[in-house]
Amino acid sequence: MATKDYVKRGRSPKPAPIKAKASHKGKKTPSTSFPTKWAALAVILVCGLIVGLFFLSGTDVPETAPVTPAAIIVKPQPAKTNTNALPPKPEEKWRYIQELENKKVIVPALTPKQVIAENKPAKPYLLQCGAYHSQSQADERKATIAFQGLNSQIKISTNDKGTWYRVVLGPYKDKRLAMDDQNKLQKNGISPCAIWFWE
């Protein structure tokens, strides 16, 4: 049996050498211009669009007939009446304007004593900062309030739940003064404090 040479058989033939392209430095390539058939198609599309708009608007396409100056006759057009127009606005006469112009307002004059009496509450206010069953707890709360520079007192009251020792500040003539002291105590960690009418 004859031996076969598989190595030579698998080799492909050598490719032909690539020829160098000739340079086109000396030659000018023709420039591509916009084709005339595309230009004609664009003009036809624009004309079709204009004609279509005339038909959509409901107006007739004007005929191109020669017009001579003698043929132009100006006819007076009748005045157009708008059926959707609103009637003229009626004049409205308001009575309250005249009434307000002629009305006089009488304000009773108050004396300074009356002004103070009107702004003064019927009862003075107090600031209560605790209610305790034992007097020692009330004394401790009174001492912590005294360290803040405020004067307090202990009021003793009894009810069906027993005897209460209430630590109160006041009386205050104005609620604003009681609120100022309440804010001062709250900033220093003494709370809750409630504002009540003095009893």
C-alpha atoms as a PDB file:
ATOM      1  CA  MET A   1       0.000   0.000   0.000  1.00  0.00           C
ATOM      2  CA  ALA A   2       1.240   3.394  -0.935  1.00  0.00           C
ATOM      3  CA  THR A   3       1.672   6.030   1.746  1.00  0.00           C
ATOM      4  CA  LYS A   4      -0.163   9.266   1.314  1.00  0.00           C
ATOM      5  CA  ASP A   5       1.312  12.639   2.060  1.00  0.00           C
ATOM      6  CA  TYR A   6      -1.398  14.369   4.080  1.00  0.00           C
ATOM      7  CA  VAL A   7       0.748  17.397   4.856  1.00  0.00           C
ATOM      8  CA  LYS A   8       1.062  18.520   1.217  1.00  0.00           C
ATOM      9  CA  ARG A   9      -2.532  17.746   0.563  1.00  0.00           C
ATOM     10  CA  GLY A  10      -3.861  20.099   3.305  1.00  0.00           C
ATOM     11  CA  ARG A  11      -1.917  23.095   2.057  1.00  0.00           C
ATOM     12  CA  SER A  12      -3.805  25.615   0.053  1.00  0.00           C
ATOM     13  CA  PRO A  13      -2.269  27.244  -2.953  1.00  0.00           C
ATOM     14  CA  LYS A  14      -0.544  30.567  -2.401  1.00  0.00           C
ATOM     15  CA  PRO A  15      -2.792  33.568  -3.041  1.00  0.00           C
ATOM     16  CA  ALA A  16      -1.974  35.843  -5.915  1.00  0.00           C
ATOM     17  CA  PRO A  17      -0.215  39.067  -4.902  1.00  0.00           C
ATOM     18  CA  ILE A  18      -2.474  42.095  -4.460  1.00  0.00           C
ATOM     19  CA  LYS A  19      -1.887  44.781  -6.975  1.00  0.00           C
ATOM     20  CA  ALA A  20      -1.496  48.267  -5.689  1.00  0.00           C
ATOM     21  CA  LYS A  21      -4.380  50.519  -6.605  1.00  0.00           C
ATOM     22  CA  ALA A  22      -3.649  53.291  -8.965  1.00  0.00           C
ATOM     23  CA  SER A  23      -3.784  56.681  -7.325  1.00  0.00           C
ATOM     24  CA  HIS A  24      -6.527  59.037  -8.443  1.00  0.00           C
ATOM     25  CA  LYS A  25      -4.716  62.212  -7.648  1.00  0.00           C
ATOM     26  CA  GLY A  26      -4.839  63.511 -11.145  1.00  0.00           C
ATOM     27  CA  LYS A  27      -8.441  62.494 -11.916  1.00  0.00           C
ATOM     28  CA  LYS A  28     -11.505  64.350 -10.653  1.00  0.00           C
ATOM     29  CA  THR A  29     -14.528  62.343  -9.611  1.00  0.00           C
ATOM     30  CA  PRO A  30     -17.846  63.674 -10.799  1.00  0.00           C
ATOM     31  CA  SER A  31     -19.725  65.372  -7.907  1.00  0.00           C
ATOM     32  CA  THR A  32     -23.128  63.964  -7.074  1.00  0.00           C
ATOM     33  CA  SER A  33     -25.839  66.583  -7.493  1.00  0.00           C
ATOM     34  CA  PHE A  34     -29.460  66.541  -6.341  1.00  0.00           C
ATOM     35  CA  PRO A  35     -31.361  64.492  -8.956  1.00  0.00           C
ATOM     36  CA  THR A  36     -33.921  66.346 -11.003  1.00  0.00           C
ATOM     37  CA  LYS A  37     -36.561  63.664 -10.597  1.00  0.00           C
ATOM     38  CA  TRP A  38     -36.498  64.169  -6.798  1.00  0.00           C
ATOM     39  CA  ALA A  39     -36.862  67.924  -7.244  1.00  0.00           C
ATOM     40  CA  ALA A  40     -39.844  67.407  -9.550  1.00  0.00           C
ATOM     41  CA  LEU A  41     -41.418  65.015  -7.044  1.00  0.00           C
ATOM     42  CA  ALA A  42     -41.006  67.580  -4.223  1.00  0.00           C
ATOM     43  CA  VAL A  43     -42.679  70.314  -6.319  1.00  0.00           C
ATOM     44  CA  ILE A  44     -45.605  67.998  -7.125  1.00  0.00           C
ATOM     45  CA  LEU A  45     -46.032  67.126  -3.431  1.00  0.00           C
ATOM     46  CA  VAL A  46     -46.077  70.799  -2.401  1.00  0.00           C
ATOM     47  CA  CYS A  47     -48.645  71.657  -5.092  1.00  0.00           C
ATOM     48  CA  GLY A  48     -50.787  68.704  -4.026  1.00  0.00           C
ATOM     49  CA  LEU A  49     -50.621  69.845  -0.419  1.00  0.00           C
ATOM     50  CA  ILE A  50     -51.812  73.357  -1.343  1.00  0.00           C
ATOM     51  CA  VAL A  51     -54.716  72.009  -3.427  1.00  0.00           C
ATOM     52  CA  GLY A  52     -55.659  69.633  -0.606  1.00  0.00           C
ATOM     53  CA  LEU A  53     -55.744  72.490   1.889  1.00  0.00           C
ATOM     54  CA  PHE A  54     -58.103  74.440  -0.407  1.00  0.00           C
ATOM     55  CA  PHE A  55     -60.485  71.483  -0.555  1.00  0.00           C
ATOM     56  CA  LEU A  56     -60.327  70.953   3.207  1.00  0.00           C
ATOM     57  CA  SER A  57     -61.033  74.604   3.954  1.00  0.00           C
ATOM     58  CA  GLY A  58     -64.260  74.428   1.936  1.00  0.00           C
ATOM     59  CA  THR A  59     -63.345  77.194  -0.477  1.00  0.00           C
ATOM     60  CA  ASP A  60     -63.267  76.722  -4.188  1.00  0.00           C
ATOM     61  CA  VAL A  61     -60.005  76.790  -6.019  1.00  0.00           C
ATOM     62  CA  PRO A  62     -59.974  80.139  -7.832  1.00  0.00           C
ATOM     63  CA  GLU A  63     -60.099  79.841 -11.577  1.00  0.00           C
ATOM     64  CA  THR A  64     -57.389  81.589 -13.471  1.00  0.00           C
ATOM     65  CA  ALA A  65     -59.421  83.688 -15.881  1.00  0.00           C
ATOM     66  CA  PRO A  66     -58.039  86.848 -17.399  1.00  0.00           C
ATOM     67  CA  VAL A  67     -59.357  89.869 -15.534  1.00  0.00           C
ATOM     68  CA  THR A  68     -59.619  93.201 -17.278  1.00  0.00           C
ATOM     69  CA  PRO A  69     -59.949  96.490 -15.403  1.00  0.00           C
ATOM     70  CA  ALA A  70     -63.399  97.078 -16.932  1.00  0.00           C
ATOM     71  CA  ALA A  71     -64.620  93.750 -15.554  1.00  0.00           C
ATOM     72  CA  ILE A  72     -63.917  94.748 -11.953  1.00  0.00           C
ATOM     73  CA  ILE A  73     -67.145  96.001 -10.450  1.00  0.00           C
ATOM     74  CA  VAL A  74     -67.297  96.896  -6.797  1.00  0.00           C
ATOM     75  CA  LYS A  75     -70.669  96.008  -5.324  1.00  0.00           C
ATOM     76  CA  PRO A  76     -71.670  97.375  -1.955  1.00  0.00           C
ATOM     77  CA  GLN A  77     -71.838  94.509   0.484  1.00  0.00           C
ATOM     78  CA  PRO A  78     -74.644  94.379   2.985  1.00  0.00           C
ATOM     79  CA  ALA A  79     -73.620  94.794   6.625  1.00  0.00           C
ATOM     80  CA  LYS A  80     -73.023  91.447   8.223  1.00  0.00           C
ATOM     81  CA  THR A  81     -75.213  90.743  11.197  1.00  0.00           C
ATOM     82  CA  ASN A  82     -73.734  88.421  13.746  1.00  0.00           C
ATOM     83  CA  THR A  83     -76.471  86.132  15.032  1.00  0.00           C
ATOM     84  CA  ASN A  84     -74.250  84.985  17.918  1.00  0.00           C
ATOM     85  CA  ALA A  85     -73.632  88.508  19.241  1.00  0.00           C
ATOM     86  CA  LEU A  86     -74.658  89.191  22.828  1.00  0.00           C
ATOM     87  CA  PRO A  87     -77.172  91.921  23.599  1.00  0.00           C
ATOM     88  CA  PRO A  88     -75.775  95.087  25.168  1.00  0.00           C
ATOM     89  CA  LYS A  89     -75.101  94.874  28.883  1.00  0.00           C
ATOM     90  CA  PRO A  90     -77.901  96.468  30.911  1.00  0.00           C
ATOM     91  CA  GLU A  91     -76.981  99.222  33.312  1.00  0.00           C
ATOM     92  CA  GLU A  92     -77.315  98.097  36.877  1.00  0.00           C
ATOM     93  CA  LYS A  93     -78.030 100.529  39.644  1.00  0.00           C
ATOM     94  CA  TRP A  94     -76.923  99.420  43.032  1.00  0.00           C
ATOM     95  CA  ARG A  95     -78.469 101.091  46.015  1.00  0.00           C
ATOM     96  CA  TYR A  96     -75.880 100.021  48.562  1.00  0.00           C
ATOM     97  CA  ILE A  97     -73.214 102.277  47.023  1.00  0.00           C
ATOM     98  CA  GLN A  98     -75.326 105.366  47.664  1.00  0.00           C
ATOM     99  CA  GLU A  99     -76.330 104.062  51.084  1.00  0.00           C
ATOM    100  CA  LEU A 100     -72.706 103.559  52.107  1.00  0.00           C
ATOM    101  CA  GLU A 101     -71.681 107.005  50.873  1.00  0.00           C
ATOM    102  CA  ASN A 102     -74.355 108.671  52.977  1.00  0.00           C
ATOM    103  CA  LYS A 103     -74.132 106.401  56.041  1.00  0.00           C
ATOM    104  CA  LYS A 104     -72.502 107.756  59.166  1.00  0.00           C
ATOM    105  CA  VAL A 105     -70.796 105.477  61.655  1.00  0.00           C
ATOM    106  CA  ILE A 106     -70.937 106.569  65.277  1.00  0.00           C
ATOM    107  CA  VAL A 107     -68.228 105.165  67.534  1.00  0.00           C
ATOM    108  CA  PRO A 108     -68.704 105.759  71.238  1.00  0.00           C
ATOM    109  CA  ALA A 109     -65.722 107.454  72.815  1.00  0.00           C
ATOM    110  CA  LEU A 110     -64.253 105.549  75.779  1.00  0.00           C
ATOM    111  CA  THR A 111     -62.295 107.077  78.600  1.00  0.00           C
ATOM    112  CA  PRO A 112     -58.945 105.512  79.506  1.00  0.00           C
ATOM    113  CA  LYS A 113     -60.489 103.987  82.653  1.00  0.00           C
ATOM    114  CA  GLN A 114     -63.181 102.268  80.595  1.00  0.00           C
ATOM    115  CA  VAL A 115     -60.565 100.878  78.184  1.00  0.00           C
ATOM    116  CA  ILE A 116     -58.565  99.419  81.067  1.00  0.00           C
ATOM    117  CA  ALA A 117     -61.720  98.004  82.660  1.00  0.00           C
ATOM    118  CA  GLU A 118     -62.751  96.305  79.379  1.00  0.00           C
ATOM    119  CA  ASN A 119     -59.330  94.683  78.841  1.00  0.00           C
ATOM    120  CA  LYS A 120     -58.940  93.633  82.451  1.00  0.00           C
ATOM    121  CA  PRO A 121     -60.025  90.019  83.125  1.00  0.00           C
ATOM    122  CA  ALA A 122     -62.644  89.343  85.752  1.00  0.00           C
ATOM    123  CA  LYS A 123     -60.236  87.098  87.703  1.00  0.00           C
ATOM    124  CA  PRO A 124     -56.453  87.153  88.015  1.00  0.00           C
ATOM    125  CA  TYR A 125     -54.371  84.204  86.770  1.00  0.00           C
ATOM    126  CA  LEU A 126     -52.137  81.746  88.620  1.00  0.00           C
ATOM    127  CA  LEU A 127     -49.431  79.366  87.460  1.00  0.00           C
ATOM    128  CA  GLN A 128     -49.600  75.915  89.087  1.00  0.00           C
ATOM    129  CA  CYS A 129     -46.410  73.873  88.903  1.00  0.00           C
ATOM    130  CA  GLY A 130     -47.396  70.758  90.823  1.00  0.00           C
ATOM    131  CA  ALA A 131     -49.898  69.183  93.205  1.00  0.00           C
ATOM    132  CA  TYR A 132     -48.588  66.716  95.810  1.00  0.00           C
ATOM    133  CA  HIS A 133     -49.998  64.600  98.629  1.00  0.00           C
ATOM    134  CA  SER A 134     -46.971  65.256 100.838  1.00  0.00           C
ATOM    135  CA  GLN A 135     -45.793  68.670 101.984  1.00  0.00           C
ATOM    136  CA  SER A 136     -42.111  67.689 101.618  1.00  0.00           C
ATOM    137  CA  GLN A 137     -42.496  67.175  97.852  1.00  0.00           C
ATOM    138  CA  ALA A 138     -44.248  70.533  97.558  1.00  0.00           C
ATOM    139  CA  ASP A 139     -41.401  72.191  99.523  1.00  0.00           C
ATOM    140  CA  GLU A 140     -38.827  70.644  97.156  1.00  0.00           C
ATOM    141  CA  ARG A 141     -40.680  71.992  94.112  1.00  0.00           C
ATOM    142  CA  LYS A 142     -40.962  75.428  95.767  1.00  0.00           C
ATOM    143  CA  ALA A 143     -37.185  75.428  96.373  1.00  0.00           C
ATOM    144  CA  THR A 144     -36.343  74.556  92.741  1.00  0.00           C
ATOM    145  CA  ILE A 145     -38.612  77.386  91.574  1.00  0.00           C
ATOM    146  CA  ALA A 146     -36.897  79.766  94.026  1.00  0.00           C
ATOM    147  CA  PHE A 147     -33.521  78.918  92.427  1.00  0.00           C
ATOM    148  CA  GLN A 148     -34.900  80.338  89.156  1.00  0.00           C
ATOM    149  CA  GLY A 149     -35.581  83.693  90.867  1.00  0.00           C
ATOM    150  CA  LEU A 150     -39.362  83.293  91.069  1.00  0.00           C
ATOM    151  CA  ASN A 151     -41.556  83.482  94.148  1.00  0.00           C
ATOM    152  CA  SER A 152     -44.048  80.640  94.707  1.00  0.00           C
ATOM    153  CA  GLN A 153     -46.393  79.590  97.488  1.00  0.00           C
ATOM    154  CA  ILE A 154     -48.084  76.416  98.624  1.00  0.00           C
ATOM    155  CA  LYS A 155     -51.891  76.328  98.680  1.00  0.00           C
ATOM    156  CA  ILE A 156     -53.551  73.531 100.634  1.00  0.00           C
ATOM    157  CA  SER A 157     -56.851  72.147  99.347  1.00  0.00           C
ATOM    158  CA  THR A 158     -58.911  69.115 100.313  1.00  0.00           C
ATOM    159  CA  ASN A 159     -61.392  67.097  98.287  1.00  0.00           C
ATOM    160  CA  ASP A 160     -62.756  63.539  98.192  1.00  0.00           C
ATOM    161  CA  LYS A 161     -59.292  62.235  97.113  1.00  0.00           C
ATOM    162  CA  GLY A 162     -57.522  63.710 100.114  1.00  0.00           C
ATOM    163  CA  THR A 163     -55.359  66.719 100.920  1.00  0.00           C
ATOM    164  CA  TRP A 164     -53.363  68.360  98.142  1.00  0.00           C
ATOM    165  CA  TYR A 165     -50.390  70.694  98.408  1.00  0.00           C
ATOM    166  CA  ARG A 166     -50.383  72.831  95.258  1.00  0.00           C
ATOM    167  CA  VAL A 167     -47.315  74.889  94.303  1.00  0.00           C
ATOM    168  CA  VAL A 168     -48.563  78.073  92.632  1.00  0.00           C
ATOM    169  CA  LEU A 169     -47.115  81.333  91.363  1.00  0.00           C
ATOM    170  CA  GLY A 170     -49.066  84.554  91.094  1.00  0.00           C
ATOM    171  CA  PRO A 171     -51.552  86.140  91.032  1.00  0.00           C
ATOM    172  CA  TYR A 172     -50.981  87.635  87.570  1.00  0.00           C
ATOM    173  CA  LYS A 173     -53.125  90.485  86.258  1.00  0.00           C
ATOM    174  CA  ASP A 174     -52.361  89.518  82.637  1.00  0.00           C
ATOM    175  CA  LYS A 175     -52.167  86.009  81.172  1.00  0.00           C
ATOM    176  CA  ARG A 176     -49.114  87.054  79.165  1.00  0.00           C
ATOM    177  CA  LEU A 177     -47.090  87.521  82.382  1.00  0.00           C
ATOM    178  CA  ALA A 178     -48.052  84.022  83.517  1.00  0.00           C
ATOM    179  CA  MET A 179     -46.992  82.608  80.142  1.00  0.00           C
ATOM    180  CA  ASP A 180     -43.592  84.349  80.404  1.00  0.00           C
ATOM    181  CA  ASP A 181     -42.888  82.687  83.766  1.00  0.00           C
ATOM    182  CA  GLN A 182     -44.182  79.356  82.430  1.00  0.00           C
ATOM    183  CA  ASN A 183     -41.719  79.515  79.505  1.00  0.00           C
ATOM    184  CA  LYS A 184     -38.852  80.462  81.824  1.00  0.00           C
ATOM    185  CA  LEU A 185     -39.525  77.474  84.093  1.00  0.00           C
ATOM    186  CA  GLN A 186     -39.950  75.108  81.155  1.00  0.00           C
ATOM    187  CA  LYS A 187     -36.555  76.134  79.713  1.00  0.00           C
ATOM    188  CA  ASN A 188     -34.969  75.227  83.056  1.00  0.00           C
ATOM    189  CA  GLY A 189     -36.637  71.792  83.191  1.00  0.00           C
ATOM    190  CA  ILE A 190     -39.487  72.623  85.574  1.00  0.00           C
ATOM    191  CA  SER A 191     -42.669  71.325  83.977  1.00  0.00           C
ATOM    192  CA  PRO A 192     -45.561  70.802  83.637  1.00  0.00           C
ATOM    193  CA  CYS A 193     -46.961  74.137  84.738  1.00  0.00           C
ATOM    194  CA  ALA A 194     -50.567  75.063  83.979  1.00  0.00           C
ATOM    195  CA  ILE A 195     -52.255  78.475  83.901  1.00  0.00           C
ATOM    196  CA  TRP A 196     -55.577  78.739  85.790  1.00  0.00           C
ATOM    197  CA  PHE A 197     -57.821  81.459  87.119  1.00  0.00           C
ATOM    198  CA  TRP A 198     -57.014  82.480  90.680  1.00  0.00           C
ATOM    199  CA  GLU A 199     -59.520  81.041  93.130  1.00  0.00           C
END
